Amino acid sequence: MKEFELIKHFFTEQSVKRKDVLLGIGDDCAVIANSENQNIVVTTDTLVAGVHFPLNTSARAIGHKAVAVNLSDIAAMGAKPSWLSLAITMPEVNNDWLSEFCAGVFELCEYYNVELIGGDTTQGPLSITITAQGVTPEGKYLSRAGAKAGDWLYVTGDLGDAALALQHINQKVSLESAFIEPVKNKLDYPKPRVLVGQTLREYASSAIDISDGLIADLGHICQASNVGANIVLDAIPLSNIMRDSLIFEDAINLALTGGDDYELLFTVSEDNKVGMETSLSHTGIQVTCIGQINASQTISTTLNNKPVPINDAGFEHFST
């Protein structure tokens, strides 16, 4: 199957057909119509085999994760995801693999009413690049800037399970058999916090999604907002699997630096704290206050009200 046959066979048949897509897959560019009272947010992420996912990851999981990590960025901006384009490079055409990959892609697209509007296919080592776009009401988007001293620091969900799965895959940790599938699902099938992000537009002063590790991504907020922060290690949300698999020190280190969580990290002023917690209680998503923003321009951590050192800054490409 050649390139254009491949595109027609696998990527043009999708259930989502948005009214604001005037021209989709099959031309030099897609054409979308957008309201004048909205802002468009745009993000691009690349996933490379052996770097962003283990080489034996299933095609369905790769498709899901490729979309999910982009929608997580959209969620961090408080936006509603709308469109995406997909560029996939692969060594050969494997019909079964592509069918499963597309199932992973379109499952999330259908759930969030996102239409695939274009992209590219090329031959080479496996990598997937997605550009996703979403909309917010005009002027109502979140960013990494805006956090102020005194703001409270929150995260969604539990942290570290995806990193724990990688530790098991890389034979650095041996997990009980009952624990393997749940943490591997956290790694392979992250859940973008889209509804939480849209709710936070009315309350949060800054936000980011946790992809490279809590410490690293909090550092981006601190740098953009010209502030510092203190993390209360006792408050970091850990799953029961994490607590049962590792000693507390190792579990906290994974939660701080492991990455691949794709939870939201955000700041809220004292005045907005109660309103935010009330609004998010209706989403069914766990949110936890893990510290507070300060004016120090550094990140510190405390345990049992005592300062403790930070061991690692998290994942960064080209750091080794």
C-alpha atoms as a PDB file:
ATOM      1  CA  MET A   1       0.000   0.000   0.000  1.00  0.00           C
ATOM      2  CA  LYS A   2       1.455   3.362  -1.068  1.00  0.00           C
ATOM      3  CA  GLU A   3       1.262   6.667   0.808  1.00  0.00           C
ATOM      4  CA  PHE A   4      -1.985   8.107  -0.563  1.00  0.00           C
ATOM      5  CA  GLU A   5      -3.750   4.748  -0.492  1.00  0.00           C
ATOM      6  CA  LEU A   6      -2.617   4.377   3.123  1.00  0.00           C
ATOM      7  CA  ILE A   7      -3.977   7.818   4.070  1.00  0.00           C
ATOM      8  CA  LYS A   8      -7.322   7.151   2.383  1.00  0.00           C
ATOM      9  CA  HIS A   9      -7.679   3.685   3.894  1.00  0.00           C
ATOM     10  CA  PHE A  10      -6.674   4.376   7.497  1.00  0.00           C
ATOM     11  CA  PHE A  11      -7.062   8.072   8.256  1.00  0.00           C
ATOM     12  CA  THR A  12     -10.003   9.505   6.304  1.00  0.00           C
ATOM     13  CA  GLU A  13     -12.633   7.241   7.882  1.00  0.00           C
ATOM     14  CA  GLN A  14     -13.436   8.759  11.265  1.00  0.00           C
ATOM     15  CA  SER A  15     -16.643   9.308  13.193  1.00  0.00           C
ATOM     16  CA  VAL A  16     -15.973  12.943  14.116  1.00  0.00           C
ATOM     17  CA  LYS A  17     -17.077  15.429  11.452  1.00  0.00           C
ATOM     18  CA  ARG A  18     -17.049  18.932  12.909  1.00  0.00           C
ATOM     19  CA  LYS A  19     -19.106  21.700  11.300  1.00  0.00           C
ATOM     20  CA  ASP A  20     -16.203  24.149  11.682  1.00  0.00           C
ATOM     21  CA  VAL A  21     -13.943  22.019   9.438  1.00  0.00           C
ATOM     22  CA  LEU A  22     -14.531  23.389   5.946  1.00  0.00           C
ATOM     23  CA  LEU A  23     -11.815  21.306   4.296  1.00  0.00           C
ATOM     24  CA  GLY A  24     -10.122  18.351   5.969  1.00  0.00           C
ATOM     25  CA  ILE A  25      -7.824  15.516   4.920  1.00  0.00           C
ATOM     26  CA  GLY A  26      -6.911  15.325   1.243  1.00  0.00           C
ATOM     27  CA  ASP A  27      -5.777  18.817   0.278  1.00  0.00           C
ATOM     28  CA  ASP A  28      -2.574  20.844   0.738  1.00  0.00           C
ATOM     29  CA  CYS A  29      -3.982  22.410   3.898  1.00  0.00           C
ATOM     30  CA  ALA A  30      -7.021  22.023   6.088  1.00  0.00           C
ATOM     31  CA  VAL A  31      -9.457  24.925   6.370  1.00  0.00           C
ATOM     32  CA  ILE A  32     -11.310  25.658   9.583  1.00  0.00           C
ATOM     33  CA  ALA A  33     -13.847  28.334  10.459  1.00  0.00           C
ATOM     34  CA  ASN A  34     -13.580  29.893  13.874  1.00  0.00           C
ATOM     35  CA  SER A  35     -15.622  32.357  15.903  1.00  0.00           C
ATOM     36  CA  GLU A  36     -14.273  35.873  16.339  1.00  0.00           C
ATOM     37  CA  ASN A  37     -14.777  35.762  20.121  1.00  0.00           C
ATOM     38  CA  GLN A  38     -12.455  32.816  20.669  1.00  0.00           C
ATOM     39  CA  ASN A  39      -8.723  32.294  21.025  1.00  0.00           C
ATOM     40  CA  ILE A  40      -7.042  29.306  19.369  1.00  0.00           C
ATOM     41  CA  VAL A  41      -4.324  27.457  21.281  1.00  0.00           C
ATOM     42  CA  VAL A  42      -1.860  25.258  19.385  1.00  0.00           C
ATOM     43  CA  THR A  43       0.578  22.597  20.596  1.00  0.00           C
ATOM     44  CA  THR A  44       2.904  20.077  18.934  1.00  0.00           C
ATOM     45  CA  ASP A  45       4.407  16.943  20.485  1.00  0.00           C
ATOM     46  CA  THR A  46       6.592  14.214  19.029  1.00  0.00           C
ATOM     47  CA  LEU A  47       6.778  10.647  20.333  1.00  0.00           C
ATOM     48  CA  VAL A  48       9.823   8.601  19.328  1.00  0.00           C
ATOM     49  CA  ALA A  49      10.044   4.835  19.724  1.00  0.00           C
ATOM     50  CA  GLY A  50      12.437   3.880  22.510  1.00  0.00           C
ATOM     51  CA  VAL A  51      12.394   7.401  23.955  1.00  0.00           C
ATOM     52  CA  HIS A  52       8.751   8.225  24.701  1.00  0.00           C
ATOM     53  CA  PHE A  53       7.464   4.662  24.754  1.00  0.00           C
ATOM     54  CA  PRO A  54       9.126   1.228  25.060  1.00  0.00           C
ATOM     55  CA  LEU A  55       9.739  -0.533  21.749  1.00  0.00           C
ATOM     56  CA  ASN A  56       7.243  -3.305  22.547  1.00  0.00           C
ATOM     57  CA  THR A  57       4.358  -0.908  23.294  1.00  0.00           C
ATOM     58  CA  SER A  58       1.153  -1.888  21.532  1.00  0.00           C
ATOM     59  CA  ALA A  59       0.039   0.094  18.496  1.00  0.00           C
ATOM     60  CA  ARG A  60      -3.245   1.028  20.181  1.00  0.00           C
ATOM     61  CA  ALA A  61      -1.420   2.426  23.197  1.00  0.00           C
ATOM     62  CA  ILE A  62       0.932   4.430  20.972  1.00  0.00           C
ATOM     63  CA  GLY A  63      -2.014   5.951  19.124  1.00  0.00           C
ATOM     64  CA  HIS A  64      -3.790   6.775  22.375  1.00  0.00           C
ATOM     65  CA  LYS A  65      -0.738   8.297  24.011  1.00  0.00           C
ATOM     66  CA  ALA A  66       0.187  10.372  20.957  1.00  0.00           C
ATOM     67  CA  VAL A  67      -3.202  12.069  21.118  1.00  0.00           C
ATOM     68  CA  ALA A  68      -3.429  12.167  24.922  1.00  0.00           C
ATOM     69  CA  VAL A  69      -0.155  14.006  25.513  1.00  0.00           C
ATOM     70  CA  ASN A  70      -1.237  16.748  23.107  1.00  0.00           C
ATOM     71  CA  LEU A  71      -4.696  17.037  24.627  1.00  0.00           C
ATOM     72  CA  SER A  72      -3.013  17.271  28.025  1.00  0.00           C
ATOM     73  CA  ASP A  73      -1.218  20.399  26.804  1.00  0.00           C
ATOM     74  CA  ILE A  74      -4.541  21.763  25.552  1.00  0.00           C
ATOM     75  CA  ALA A  75      -6.072  21.017  28.958  1.00  0.00           C
ATOM     76  CA  ALA A  76      -3.263  22.899  30.732  1.00  0.00           C
ATOM     77  CA  MET A  77      -4.259  26.010  28.774  1.00  0.00           C
ATOM     78  CA  GLY A  78      -7.888  25.656  29.853  1.00  0.00           C
ATOM     79  CA  ALA A  79      -8.936  25.051  26.252  1.00  0.00           C
ATOM     80  CA  LYS A  80     -11.459  22.785  24.557  1.00  0.00           C
ATOM     81  CA  PRO A  81      -9.663  20.503  22.050  1.00  0.00           C
ATOM     82  CA  SER A  82     -11.026  20.741  18.514  1.00  0.00           C
ATOM     83  CA  TRP A  83      -8.670  19.638  15.720  1.00  0.00           C
ATOM     84  CA  LEU A  84      -5.423  17.777  15.224  1.00  0.00           C
ATOM     85  CA  SER A  85      -3.009  16.869  12.461  1.00  0.00           C
ATOM     86  CA  LEU A  86      -0.839  13.766  12.493  1.00  0.00           C
ATOM     87  CA  ALA A  87       2.579  13.082  10.961  1.00  0.00           C
ATOM     88  CA  ILE A  88       3.694   9.481  11.270  1.00  0.00           C
ATOM     89  CA  THR A  89       7.032   8.008  10.218  1.00  0.00           C
ATOM     90  CA  MET A  90       7.222   4.204  10.187  1.00  0.00           C
ATOM     91  CA  PRO A  91       9.626   1.623   8.791  1.00  0.00           C
ATOM     92  CA  GLU A  92       6.988  -0.256   6.781  1.00  0.00           C
ATOM     93  CA  VAL A  93       3.247  -0.509   6.189  1.00  0.00           C
ATOM     94  CA  ASN A  94       1.719  -3.073   8.522  1.00  0.00           C
ATOM     95  CA  ASN A  95      -2.054  -3.154   8.117  1.00  0.00           C
ATOM     96  CA  ASP A  96      -2.776  -4.788  11.476  1.00  0.00           C
ATOM     97  CA  TRP A  97      -0.488  -2.368  13.314  1.00  0.00           C
ATOM     98  CA  LEU A  98      -2.038   0.667  11.579  1.00  0.00           C
ATOM     99  CA  SER A  99      -5.571  -0.517  12.307  1.00  0.00           C
ATOM    100  CA  GLU A 100      -4.775  -0.752  16.018  1.00  0.00           C
ATOM    101  CA  PHE A 101      -2.897   2.549  15.992  1.00  0.00           C
ATOM    102  CA  CYS A 102      -5.862   4.322  14.391  1.00  0.00           C
ATOM    103  CA  ALA A 103      -8.216   2.716  16.916  1.00  0.00           C
ATOM    104  CA  GLY A 104      -6.174   4.333  19.699  1.00  0.00           C
ATOM    105  CA  VAL A 105      -6.134   7.702  17.925  1.00  0.00           C
ATOM    106  CA  PHE A 106      -9.810   7.829  17.005  1.00  0.00           C
ATOM    107  CA  GLU A 107     -11.062   6.528  20.348  1.00  0.00           C
ATOM    108  CA  LEU A 108      -9.814   9.678  22.081  1.00  0.00           C
ATOM    109  CA  CYS A 109     -10.801  11.909  19.166  1.00  0.00           C
ATOM    110  CA  GLU A 110     -14.364  10.640  19.339  1.00  0.00           C
ATOM    111  CA  TYR A 111     -14.533  11.037  23.112  1.00  0.00           C
ATOM    112  CA  TYR A 112     -13.429  14.686  22.980  1.00  0.00           C
ATOM    113  CA  ASN A 113     -15.075  15.579  19.626  1.00  0.00           C
ATOM    114  CA  VAL A 114     -11.721  16.242  17.962  1.00  0.00           C
ATOM    115  CA  GLU A 115     -11.381  15.888  14.186  1.00  0.00           C
ATOM    116  CA  LEU A 116      -8.210  14.735  12.441  1.00  0.00           C
ATOM    117  CA  ILE A 117      -7.834  17.307   9.657  1.00  0.00           C
ATOM    118  CA  GLY A 118      -4.513  16.444   8.020  1.00  0.00           C
ATOM    119  CA  GLY A 119      -0.908  15.359   8.383  1.00  0.00           C
ATOM    120  CA  ASP A 120       1.785  13.368   6.625  1.00  0.00           C
ATOM    121  CA  THR A 121       3.099   9.807   6.282  1.00  0.00           C
ATOM    122  CA  THR A 122       6.752   8.959   5.626  1.00  0.00           C
ATOM    123  CA  GLN A 123       9.040   5.939   5.758  1.00  0.00           C
ATOM    124  CA  GLY A 124      11.723   5.709   8.448  1.00  0.00           C
ATOM    125  CA  PRO A 125      12.207   4.931  12.156  1.00  0.00           C
ATOM    126  CA  LEU A 126       8.930   4.963  14.082  1.00  0.00           C
ATOM    127  CA  SER A 127       7.924   8.393  15.367  1.00  0.00           C
ATOM    128  CA  ILE A 128       4.630  10.243  15.660  1.00  0.00           C
ATOM    129  CA  THR A 129       4.157  14.008  15.671  1.00  0.00           C
ATOM    130  CA  ILE A 130       0.773  15.566  16.419  1.00  0.00           C
ATOM    131  CA  THR A 131      -0.252  19.189  16.290  1.00  0.00           C
ATOM    132  CA  ALA A 132      -3.426  19.778  18.287  1.00  0.00           C
ATOM    133  CA  GLN A 133      -5.548  22.894  18.402  1.00  0.00           C
ATOM    134  CA  GLY A 134      -8.226  24.000  20.819  1.00  0.00           C
ATOM    135  CA  VAL A 135     -10.305  27.046  21.645  1.00  0.00           C
ATOM    136  CA  THR A 136     -11.003  29.203  24.669  1.00  0.00           C
ATOM    137  CA  PRO A 137     -13.302  32.179  25.146  1.00  0.00           C
ATOM    138  CA  GLU A 138     -11.416  35.326  24.160  1.00  0.00           C
ATOM    139  CA  GLY A 139      -8.801  36.192  26.804  1.00  0.00           C
ATOM    140  CA  LYS A 140      -9.793  33.199  28.948  1.00  0.00           C
ATOM    141  CA  TYR A 141      -6.754  30.947  28.640  1.00  0.00           C
ATOM    142  CA  LEU A 142      -4.309  29.680  31.251  1.00  0.00           C
ATOM    143  CA  SER A 143      -0.519  29.908  31.048  1.00  0.00           C
ATOM    144  CA  ARG A 144       2.574  29.182  33.104  1.00  0.00           C
ATOM    145  CA  ALA A 145       2.838  32.848  34.070  1.00  0.00           C
ATOM    146  CA  GLY A 146       0.542  34.376  36.664  1.00  0.00           C
ATOM    147  CA  ALA A 147       1.400  32.509  39.859  1.00  0.00           C
ATOM    148  CA  LYS A 148       1.897  34.846  42.827  1.00  0.00           C
ATOM    149  CA  ALA A 149       3.382  34.459  46.287  1.00  0.00           C
ATOM    150  CA  GLY A 150       0.712  33.053  48.575  1.00  0.00           C
ATOM    151  CA  ASP A 151      -1.054  31.042  45.863  1.00  0.00           C
ATOM    152  CA  TRP A 152      -1.757  27.408  46.683  1.00  0.00           C
ATOM    153  CA  LEU A 153      -0.218  24.632  44.603  1.00  0.00           C
ATOM    154  CA  TYR A 154      -2.421  21.745  43.429  1.00  0.00           C
ATOM    155  CA  VAL A 155      -2.158  18.563  41.347  1.00  0.00           C
ATOM    156  CA  THR A 156      -4.767  16.257  39.873  1.00  0.00           C
ATOM    157  CA  GLY A 157      -4.694  12.493  40.363  1.00  0.00           C
ATOM    158  CA  ASP A 158      -1.842  10.417  41.796  1.00  0.00           C
ATOM    159  CA  LEU A 159       1.785  10.902  40.791  1.00  0.00           C
ATOM    160  CA  GLY A 160       4.544   8.457  39.892  1.00  0.00           C
ATOM    161  CA  ASP A 161       2.675   5.362  38.693  1.00  0.00           C
ATOM    162  CA  ALA A 162       3.757   5.724  35.059  1.00  0.00           C
ATOM    163  CA  ALA A 163       7.370   6.102  36.172  1.00  0.00           C
ATOM    164  CA  LEU A 164       6.943   3.027  38.362  1.00  0.00           C
ATOM    165  CA  ALA A 165       5.802   1.077  35.295  1.00  0.00           C
ATOM    166  CA  LEU A 166       8.947   2.151  33.440  1.00  0.00           C
ATOM    167  CA  GLN A 167      11.067   1.105  36.401  1.00  0.00           C
ATOM    168  CA  HIS A 168       9.477  -2.346  36.194  1.00  0.00           C
ATOM    169  CA  ILE A 169       9.908  -2.572  32.407  1.00  0.00           C
ATOM    170  CA  ASN A 170      13.579  -1.601  32.776  1.00  0.00           C
ATOM    171  CA  GLN A 171      13.997  -4.224  35.528  1.00  0.00           C
ATOM    172  CA  LYS A 172      14.890  -1.672  38.184  1.00  0.00           C
ATOM    173  CA  VAL A 173      11.885  -2.621  40.321  1.00  0.00           C
ATOM    174  CA  SER A 174      10.061  -5.925  40.669  1.00  0.00           C
ATOM    175  CA  LEU A 175       6.321  -5.456  41.062  1.00  0.00           C
ATOM    176  CA  GLU A 176       3.710  -7.881  42.310  1.00  0.00           C
ATOM    177  CA  SER A 177       1.865  -9.432  39.362  1.00  0.00           C
ATOM    178  CA  ALA A 178      -1.420  -7.767  40.326  1.00  0.00           C
ATOM    179  CA  PHE A 179       0.226  -4.328  40.200  1.00  0.00           C
ATOM    180  CA  ILE A 180       1.777  -4.546  36.729  1.00  0.00           C
ATOM    181  CA  GLU A 181      -1.256  -3.948  34.525  1.00  0.00           C
ATOM    182  CA  PRO A 182      -2.679  -0.973  36.486  1.00  0.00           C
ATOM    183  CA  VAL A 183       0.591   0.987  36.439  1.00  0.00           C
ATOM    184  CA  LYS A 184       1.322   0.019  32.834  1.00  0.00           C
ATOM    185  CA  ASN A 185      -2.077   1.438  31.882  1.00  0.00           C
ATOM    186  CA  LYS A 186      -1.055   4.701  33.546  1.00  0.00           C
ATOM    187  CA  LEU A 187       2.023   4.747  31.292  1.00  0.00           C
ATOM    188  CA  ASP A 188       0.343   3.618  28.063  1.00  0.00           C
ATOM    189  CA  TYR A 189      -3.087   5.228  28.399  1.00  0.00           C
ATOM    190  CA  PRO A 190      -2.759   8.605  30.166  1.00  0.00           C
ATOM    191  CA  LYS A 191      -5.997  10.513  30.724  1.00  0.00           C
ATOM    192  CA  PRO A 192      -5.823  14.180  29.681  1.00  0.00           C
ATOM    193  CA  ARG A 193      -7.614  16.341  32.267  1.00  0.00           C
ATOM    194  CA  VAL A 194      -9.601  18.315  29.702  1.00  0.00           C
ATOM    195  CA  LEU A 195     -12.693  19.044  31.805  1.00  0.00           C
ATOM    196  CA  VAL A 196     -10.564  20.072  34.783  1.00  0.00           C
ATOM    197  CA  GLY A 197      -8.593  22.476  32.584  1.00  0.00           C
ATOM    198  CA  GLN A 198     -11.727  24.165  31.287  1.00  0.00           C
ATOM    199  CA  THR A 199     -13.095  24.498  34.826  1.00  0.00           C
ATOM    200  CA  LEU A 200      -9.814  26.027  36.023  1.00  0.00           C
ATOM    201  CA  ARG A 201     -10.121  28.946  33.593  1.00  0.00           C
ATOM    202  CA  GLU A 202     -12.269  30.682  36.205  1.00  0.00           C
ATOM    203  CA  TYR A 203      -9.993  30.000  39.166  1.00  0.00           C
ATOM    204  CA  ALA A 204      -6.333  29.178  38.447  1.00  0.00           C
ATOM    205  CA  SER A 205      -3.566  31.770  38.232  1.00  0.00           C
ATOM    206  CA  SER A 206      -1.239  29.417  36.301  1.00  0.00           C
ATOM    207  CA  ALA A 207      -1.173  25.828  35.050  1.00  0.00           C
ATOM    208  CA  ILE A 208       1.006  23.246  33.322  1.00  0.00           C
ATOM    209  CA  ASP A 209       0.721  19.536  32.623  1.00  0.00           C
ATOM    210  CA  ILE A 210       3.196  17.180  34.280  1.00  0.00           C
ATOM    211  CA  SER A 211       5.147  15.434  31.533  1.00  0.00           C
ATOM    212  CA  ASP A 212       8.795  15.694  32.632  1.00  0.00           C
ATOM    213  CA  GLY A 213       8.263  15.359  36.382  1.00  0.00           C
ATOM    214  CA  LEU A 214       6.709  17.495  39.106  1.00  0.00           C
ATOM    215  CA  ILE A 215       9.916  19.334  40.022  1.00  0.00           C
ATOM    216  CA  ALA A 216      10.856  20.116  36.412  1.00  0.00           C
ATOM    217  CA  ASP A 217       7.390  21.304  35.419  1.00  0.00           C
ATOM    218  CA  LEU A 218       6.912  23.333  38.589  1.00  0.00           C
ATOM    219  CA  GLY A 219      10.220  24.950  37.673  1.00  0.00           C
ATOM    220  CA  HIS A 220       8.635  26.163  34.425  1.00  0.00           C
ATOM    221  CA  ILE A 221       5.819  27.844  36.355  1.00  0.00           C
ATOM    222  CA  CYS A 222       8.274  29.424  38.784  1.00  0.00           C
ATOM    223  CA  GLN A 223      10.477  30.725  35.983  1.00  0.00           C
ATOM    224  CA  ALA A 224       7.586  32.109  33.938  1.00  0.00           C
ATOM    225  CA  SER A 225       5.954  33.691  37.008  1.00  0.00           C
ATOM    226  CA  ASN A 226       9.212  34.848  38.670  1.00  0.00           C
ATOM    227  CA  VAL A 227       8.326  33.078  41.925  1.00  0.00           C
ATOM    228  CA  GLY A 228       9.439  30.157  44.074  1.00  0.00           C
ATOM    229  CA  ALA A 229       7.546  27.310  45.713  1.00  0.00           C
ATOM    230  CA  ASN A 230       7.583  24.890  48.602  1.00  0.00           C
ATOM    231  CA  ILE A 231       6.302  21.341  48.116  1.00  0.00           C
ATOM    232  CA  VAL A 232       4.993  19.491  51.163  1.00  0.00           C
ATOM    233  CA  LEU A 233       6.162  15.944  50.497  1.00  0.00           C
ATOM    234  CA  ASP A 234       3.705  14.478  53.014  1.00  0.00           C
ATOM    235  CA  ALA A 235       0.860  15.795  50.865  1.00  0.00           C
ATOM    236  CA  ILE A 236       1.920  14.389  47.475  1.00  0.00           C
ATOM    237  CA  PRO A 237      -0.798  11.972  46.327  1.00  0.00           C
ATOM    238  CA  LEU A 238       0.537   8.428  45.883  1.00  0.00           C
ATOM    239  CA  SER A 239      -1.465   5.403  44.800  1.00  0.00           C
ATOM    240  CA  ASN A 240      -1.789   2.366  47.046  1.00  0.00           C
ATOM    241  CA  ILE A 241       0.287   0.440  44.520  1.00  0.00           C
ATOM    242  CA  MET A 242       3.098   2.965  44.831  1.00  0.00           C
ATOM    243  CA  ARG A 243       2.966   2.864  48.632  1.00  0.00           C
ATOM    244  CA  ASP A 244       2.955  -0.937  48.677  1.00  0.00           C
ATOM    245  CA  SER A 245       5.772  -1.301  46.125  1.00  0.00           C
ATOM    246  CA  LEU A 246       8.417   1.169  47.290  1.00  0.00           C
ATOM    247  CA  ILE A 247       9.734   2.665  50.470  1.00  0.00           C
ATOM    248  CA  PHE A 248       8.412   6.187  51.007  1.00  0.00           C
ATOM    249  CA  GLU A 249      11.650   7.914  49.973  1.00  0.00           C
ATOM    250  CA  ASP A 250      11.814   6.100  46.624  1.00  0.00           C
ATOM    251  CA  ALA A 251       8.097   6.614  45.983  1.00  0.00           C
ATOM    252  CA  ILE A 252       8.381  10.343  46.589  1.00  0.00           C
ATOM    253  CA  ASN A 253      11.436  10.591  44.345  1.00  0.00           C
ATOM    254  CA  LEU A 254       9.513   8.972  41.476  1.00  0.00           C
ATOM    255  CA  ALA A 255       6.559  11.279  42.086  1.00  0.00           C
ATOM    256  CA  LEU A 256       8.855  14.310  42.008  1.00  0.00           C
ATOM    257  CA  THR A 257      10.981  13.406  39.005  1.00  0.00           C
ATOM    258  CA  GLY A 258       9.557  10.419  37.115  1.00  0.00           C
ATOM    259  CA  GLY A 259       7.415  12.162  34.522  1.00  0.00           C
ATOM    260  CA  ASP A 260       4.782  10.714  32.160  1.00  0.00           C
ATOM    261  CA  ASP A 261       1.983  11.518  34.637  1.00  0.00           C
ATOM    262  CA  TYR A 262       0.078  13.955  32.380  1.00  0.00           C
ATOM    263  CA  GLU A 263      -1.744  15.305  35.398  1.00  0.00           C
ATOM    264  CA  LEU A 264      -2.335  19.037  35.808  1.00  0.00           C
ATOM    265  CA  LEU A 265      -0.244  21.166  38.166  1.00  0.00           C
ATOM    266  CA  PHE A 266      -1.822  24.529  38.916  1.00  0.00           C
ATOM    267  CA  THR A 267      -1.880  27.478  41.296  1.00  0.00           C
ATOM    268  CA  VAL A 268      -4.898  29.108  42.914  1.00  0.00           C
ATOM    269  CA  SER A 269      -5.158  32.227  45.066  1.00  0.00           C
ATOM    270  CA  GLU A 270      -6.557  32.071  48.583  1.00  0.00           C
ATOM    271  CA  ASP A 271      -9.702  33.884  47.372  1.00  0.00           C
ATOM    272  CA  ASN A 272     -10.363  31.288  44.643  1.00  0.00           C
ATOM    273  CA  LYS A 273      -9.441  28.180  46.638  1.00  0.00           C
ATOM    274  CA  VAL A 274     -12.903  27.226  47.941  1.00  0.00           C
ATOM    275  CA  GLY A 275     -14.662  28.008  44.660  1.00  0.00           C
ATOM    276  CA  MET A 276     -12.171  25.903  42.727  1.00  0.00           C
ATOM    277  CA  GLU A 277     -12.469  22.921  45.058  1.00  0.00           C
ATOM    278  CA  THR A 278     -16.271  23.107  44.932  1.00  0.00           C
ATOM    279  CA  SER A 279     -16.371  23.301  41.135  1.00  0.00           C
ATOM    280  CA  LEU A 280     -13.886  20.472  40.643  1.00  0.00           C
ATOM    281  CA  SER A 281     -15.722  18.228  43.110  1.00  0.00           C
ATOM    282  CA  HIS A 282     -18.349  17.763  40.376  1.00  0.00           C
ATOM    283  CA  THR A 283     -15.780  16.425  37.879  1.00  0.00           C
ATOM    284  CA  GLY A 284     -14.997  13.315  39.901  1.00  0.00           C
ATOM    285  CA  ILE A 285     -11.255  14.012  39.543  1.00  0.00           C
ATOM    286  CA  GLN A 286      -9.106  14.014  42.678  1.00  0.00           C
ATOM    287  CA  VAL A 287      -7.239  17.272  43.342  1.00  0.00           C
ATOM    288  CA  THR A 288      -4.675  17.687  46.114  1.00  0.00           C
ATOM    289  CA  CYS A 289      -3.018  20.763  47.598  1.00  0.00           C
ATOM    290  CA  ILE A 290       0.718  19.964  47.780  1.00  0.00           C
ATOM    291  CA  GLY A 291       2.296  23.283  48.743  1.00  0.00           C
ATOM    292  CA  GLN A 292       2.403  27.002  48.252  1.00  0.00           C
ATOM    293  CA  ILE A 293       4.002  29.607  46.019  1.00  0.00           C
ATOM    294  CA  ASN A 294       6.465  32.065  47.584  1.00  0.00           C
ATOM    295  CA  ALA A 295       8.761  34.873  46.479  1.00  0.00           C
ATOM    296  CA  SER A 296      12.050  32.959  46.880  1.00  0.00           C
ATOM    297  CA  GLN A 297      12.505  32.091  43.161  1.00  0.00           C
ATOM    298  CA  THR A 298      13.666  28.630  44.264  1.00  0.00           C
ATOM    299  CA  ILE A 299      11.875  25.318  44.839  1.00  0.00           C
ATOM    300  CA  SER A 300      12.121  23.757  48.287  1.00  0.00           C
ATOM    301  CA  THR A 301      10.597  20.654  49.827  1.00  0.00           C
ATOM    302  CA  THR A 302       9.579  19.848  53.381  1.00  0.00           C
ATOM    303  CA  LEU A 303       8.715  16.602  55.153  1.00  0.00           C
ATOM    304  CA  ASN A 304       7.092  16.655  58.576  1.00  0.00           C
ATOM    305  CA  ASN A 305       7.623  20.441  58.544  1.00  0.00           C
ATOM    306  CA  LYS A 306      11.397  19.996  58.103  1.00  0.00           C
ATOM    307  CA  PRO A 307      13.364  20.957  54.975  1.00  0.00           C
ATOM    308  CA  VAL A 308      14.756  18.089  52.864  1.00  0.00           C
ATOM    309  CA  PRO A 309      17.036  18.229  49.805  1.00  0.00           C
ATOM    310  CA  ILE A 310      15.894  17.616  46.215  1.00  0.00           C
ATOM    311  CA  ASN A 311      17.791  14.824  44.465  1.00  0.00           C
ATOM    312  CA  ASP A 312      16.886  15.237  40.786  1.00  0.00           C
ATOM    313  CA  ALA A 313      15.356  17.824  38.441  1.00  0.00           C
ATOM    314  CA  GLY A 314      13.417  15.430  36.221  1.00  0.00           C
ATOM    315  CA  PHE A 315      13.659  14.416  32.561  1.00  0.00           C
ATOM    316  CA  GLU A 316      15.187  16.701  29.948  1.00  0.00           C
ATOM    317  CA  HIS A 317      16.079  15.882  26.352  1.00  0.00           C
ATOM    318  CA  PHE A 318      19.775  16.245  25.397  1.00  0.00           C
ATOM    319  CA  SER A 319      20.806  16.251  29.069  1.00  0.00           C
ATOM    320  CA  THR A 320      23.125  13.266  28.596  1.00  0.00           C
END
